[in-house]
N, C-alpha and C. Protein backbone atom coordinates (compact mmCIF):
# COMPACT_ATOMS: atom_id res chain seq x y z
N UNK A 1 102.14 96.67 80.12
CA UNK A 1 100.81 97.44 79.99
C UNK A 1 100.24 97.88 81.42
N UNK A 2 99.64 99.23 81.40
CA UNK A 2 99.27 99.75 82.78
C UNK A 2 97.99 99.24 83.08
N UNK A 3 97.68 98.53 84.06
CA UNK A 3 96.32 98.21 84.20
C UNK A 3 95.62 99.02 85.51
N UNK A 4 96.34 99.85 86.19
CA UNK A 4 95.80 100.69 87.06
C UNK A 4 94.68 101.50 86.77
N UNK A 5 94.95 102.26 85.43
CA UNK A 5 93.80 103.14 85.19
C UNK A 5 92.48 102.27 84.75
N UNK A 6 92.60 101.03 84.29
CA UNK A 6 91.42 100.27 84.16
C UNK A 6 90.71 99.88 85.42
N UNK A 7 91.50 99.47 86.45
CA UNK A 7 91.04 99.20 87.78
C UNK A 7 90.31 100.58 88.38
N UNK A 8 91.12 101.56 88.17
CA UNK A 8 90.46 102.89 88.89
C UNK A 8 89.14 103.17 88.18
N UNK A 9 89.04 103.12 86.89
CA UNK A 9 87.80 103.44 86.18
C UNK A 9 86.58 102.56 86.48
N UNK A 10 87.12 101.12 86.61
CA UNK A 10 85.91 100.16 86.96
C UNK A 10 85.29 100.43 88.38
N UNK A 11 86.24 100.91 89.34
CA UNK A 11 85.85 101.14 90.65
C UNK A 11 85.07 102.55 90.79
N UNK A 12 85.62 103.45 90.20
CA UNK A 12 85.04 104.80 90.16
C UNK A 12 83.51 104.73 89.61
N UNK A 13 83.21 103.77 88.73
CA UNK A 13 81.79 103.62 88.18
C UNK A 13 80.83 103.07 89.12
N UNK A 14 81.54 102.38 90.32
CA UNK A 14 80.45 101.77 91.33
C UNK A 14 80.29 102.76 92.52
N UNK A 15 81.36 103.55 92.86
CA UNK A 15 81.21 104.37 94.13
C UNK A 15 80.45 105.58 94.10
N UNK A 16 80.03 106.10 95.21
CA UNK A 16 79.32 107.34 95.36
C UNK A 16 80.39 108.43 95.28
N UNK A 17 81.52 108.28 95.92
CA UNK A 17 82.51 109.32 95.89
C UNK A 17 83.85 109.02 95.07
N UNK A 18 83.79 109.12 93.62
CA UNK A 18 84.86 108.62 92.98
C UNK A 18 86.11 109.37 93.15
N UNK A 19 85.98 110.60 93.77
CA UNK A 19 87.39 111.26 93.93
C UNK A 19 88.08 110.78 95.03
N UNK A 20 87.65 110.03 95.90
CA UNK A 20 88.32 109.41 96.89
C UNK A 20 89.07 108.00 96.54
N UNK A 21 88.67 107.43 95.35
CA UNK A 21 89.24 106.17 95.00
C UNK A 21 90.86 106.29 94.62
N UNK A 22 91.68 105.53 95.26
CA UNK A 22 92.95 105.33 94.90
C UNK A 22 93.26 103.91 94.67
N UNK A 23 94.26 103.71 93.77
CA UNK A 23 94.84 102.41 93.54
C UNK A 23 96.22 102.27 93.41
N UNK A 24 96.85 101.29 94.10
CA UNK A 24 98.15 101.21 94.38
C UNK A 24 98.51 99.75 93.81
N UNK A 25 99.68 99.85 93.03
CA UNK A 25 100.04 98.54 92.21
C UNK A 25 101.38 98.08 92.98
N UNK A 26 101.12 96.65 92.99
CA UNK A 26 102.44 96.12 93.70
C UNK A 26 102.96 94.94 92.80
N UNK A 27 104.03 94.78 92.09
CA UNK A 27 104.50 93.89 91.43
C UNK A 27 105.53 92.96 92.07
N UNK A 28 105.46 91.66 91.99
CA UNK A 28 106.18 90.72 92.36
C UNK A 28 106.01 89.42 91.63
N UNK A 29 107.28 88.86 91.26
CA UNK A 29 107.34 87.42 90.55
C UNK A 29 106.21 87.18 89.42
N UNK A 30 106.12 88.37 88.58
CA UNK A 30 105.32 88.21 87.39
C UNK A 30 103.88 88.45 87.53
N UNK A 31 103.47 88.86 88.81
CA UNK A 31 102.06 89.11 89.01
C UNK A 31 101.88 90.49 89.54
N UNK A 32 100.75 91.12 89.34
CA UNK A 32 100.44 92.49 89.85
C UNK A 32 99.14 92.44 90.95
N UNK A 33 99.41 92.96 91.74
CA UNK A 33 98.37 93.24 92.82
C UNK A 33 97.86 94.61 92.91
N UNK A 34 96.67 94.75 92.81
CA UNK A 34 96.09 96.38 92.93
C UNK A 34 95.32 96.34 94.23
N UNK A 35 95.63 97.17 95.02
CA UNK A 35 95.19 97.40 96.38
C UNK A 35 94.39 98.67 96.14
N UNK A 36 93.04 98.48 96.34
CA UNK A 36 92.12 99.61 96.06
C UNK A 36 91.52 100.25 97.42
N UNK A 37 91.45 101.36 97.57
CA UNK A 37 91.08 102.11 98.67
C UNK A 37 90.15 103.10 98.36
N UNK A 38 88.96 102.93 99.02
CA UNK A 38 87.74 103.88 98.62
C UNK A 38 87.22 104.39 100.13
N UNK A 39 86.25 105.25 99.92
CA UNK A 39 85.60 105.84 101.07
C UNK A 39 84.97 104.68 101.83
N UNK A 40 85.08 104.79 103.32
CA UNK A 40 84.37 103.65 104.05
C UNK A 40 82.94 103.36 103.88
N UNK A 41 82.22 104.40 103.46
CA UNK A 41 80.91 104.11 103.05
C UNK A 41 80.64 103.45 101.68
N UNK A 42 81.71 103.53 100.93
CA UNK A 42 81.42 102.78 99.68
C UNK A 42 82.13 101.32 99.51
N UNK A 43 82.80 100.89 100.52
CA UNK A 43 83.35 99.74 100.61
C UNK A 43 82.17 98.48 100.31
N UNK A 44 81.11 98.61 100.65
CA UNK A 44 80.05 97.62 100.58
C UNK A 44 79.58 97.66 98.97
N UNK A 45 79.59 98.92 98.57
CA UNK A 45 79.26 99.01 96.96
C UNK A 45 80.24 98.25 96.16
N UNK A 46 81.72 98.31 96.53
CA UNK A 46 82.67 97.86 95.73
C UNK A 46 82.57 96.37 95.87
N UNK A 47 82.47 95.85 97.22
CA UNK A 47 82.37 94.41 97.24
C UNK A 47 81.06 93.79 96.70
N UNK A 48 79.98 94.38 96.91
CA UNK A 48 78.78 94.05 96.31
C UNK A 48 78.00 92.87 97.27
N UNK A 49 76.94 92.51 96.84
CA UNK A 49 76.14 91.33 97.49
C UNK A 49 76.78 90.11 97.25
N UNK A 50 77.30 89.50 98.23
CA UNK A 50 78.01 88.20 98.28
C UNK A 50 79.21 88.21 97.42
N UNK A 51 79.75 89.54 97.35
CA UNK A 51 81.18 89.86 96.62
C UNK A 51 81.05 89.57 95.04
N UNK A 52 79.89 89.91 94.44
CA UNK A 52 79.77 89.81 93.26
C UNK A 52 80.34 90.95 92.25
N UNK A 53 80.19 92.05 92.92
CA UNK A 53 80.88 93.22 92.22
C UNK A 53 82.25 93.07 92.08
N UNK A 54 82.99 93.00 93.21
CA UNK A 54 84.41 92.78 93.21
C UNK A 54 84.93 91.55 92.36
N UNK A 55 84.10 90.63 92.37
CA UNK A 55 84.47 89.27 91.69
C UNK A 55 84.40 89.75 90.17
N UNK A 56 83.40 90.53 89.90
CA UNK A 56 83.32 90.85 88.34
C UNK A 56 84.49 91.71 87.90
N UNK A 57 85.14 92.83 88.77
CA UNK A 57 86.06 93.54 88.49
C UNK A 57 87.28 92.69 88.49
N UNK A 58 87.52 91.57 89.08
CA UNK A 58 88.70 90.87 89.20
C UNK A 58 88.59 89.95 87.94
N UNK A 59 87.51 89.58 87.40
CA UNK A 59 87.36 88.90 86.24
C UNK A 59 87.87 89.61 85.08
N UNK A 60 87.26 90.85 85.01
CA UNK A 60 87.83 91.81 83.80
C UNK A 60 89.26 91.99 83.87
N UNK A 61 89.83 92.32 84.89
CA UNK A 61 91.34 92.74 85.14
C UNK A 61 92.11 91.54 84.70
N UNK A 62 91.59 90.36 85.33
CA UNK A 62 92.44 88.98 85.02
C UNK A 62 92.27 88.72 83.60
N UNK A 63 91.19 89.03 82.95
CA UNK A 63 91.15 88.59 81.57
C UNK A 63 92.09 89.57 80.80
N UNK A 64 92.10 90.75 81.09
CA UNK A 64 92.93 91.65 80.28
C UNK A 64 94.21 91.29 80.56
N UNK A 65 94.74 91.03 81.64
CA UNK A 65 96.07 90.47 81.99
C UNK A 65 96.31 89.33 81.32
N UNK A 66 95.50 88.42 81.23
CA UNK A 66 95.97 87.18 80.57
C UNK A 66 96.25 87.22 79.16
N UNK A 67 95.69 88.13 78.55
CA UNK A 67 95.98 88.40 77.05
C UNK A 67 97.55 88.67 76.93
N UNK A 68 98.25 89.34 77.91
CA UNK A 68 99.58 89.58 77.96
C UNK A 68 100.34 88.58 78.63
N UNK A 69 99.68 87.49 79.03
CA UNK A 69 100.35 86.38 79.77
C UNK A 69 100.84 86.83 81.22
N UNK A 70 100.06 87.76 81.74
CA UNK A 70 100.28 88.07 83.26
C UNK A 70 99.16 87.58 83.99
N UNK A 71 99.47 87.90 85.30
CA UNK A 71 98.37 87.61 86.35
C UNK A 71 98.32 88.83 87.07
N UNK A 72 96.86 89.16 87.33
CA UNK A 72 96.66 90.51 87.96
C UNK A 72 95.54 90.01 89.03
N UNK A 73 95.68 90.69 90.26
CA UNK A 73 94.68 90.41 91.44
C UNK A 73 94.26 91.77 91.81
N UNK A 74 93.13 91.96 92.33
CA UNK A 74 92.45 93.13 92.85
C UNK A 74 92.11 92.88 94.34
N UNK A 75 92.59 93.70 95.24
CA UNK A 75 92.16 93.44 96.67
C UNK A 75 91.69 94.87 97.14
N UNK A 76 90.59 94.69 97.92
CA UNK A 76 89.85 95.96 98.46
C UNK A 76 90.44 96.19 99.70
N UNK A 77 90.98 97.38 100.17
CA UNK A 77 91.40 97.62 101.48
C UNK A 77 90.39 98.04 102.24
N UNK A 78 90.15 97.30 103.43
CA UNK A 78 89.12 97.74 104.40
C UNK A 78 89.79 97.94 105.73
N UNK A 79 89.88 99.17 106.30
CA UNK A 79 90.29 99.56 107.47
C UNK A 79 89.30 99.81 108.56
């Protein structure tokens, strides 16, 4: 199953500039890691206060992946 569109839609719902959201998927050893890149001004919105927003996104993606007995991780790229 493709989880990248799910991750992208969840992140786009939070940011001010959704056209700048990009999601790269990395697969290794039965797990998927999604590297999310957003506009530098939107990084705080994606992470949220005390990491609550990104934690919620991770929970949703992880729950969907667990139905297929897979592991999925979401990382926000901050440069």
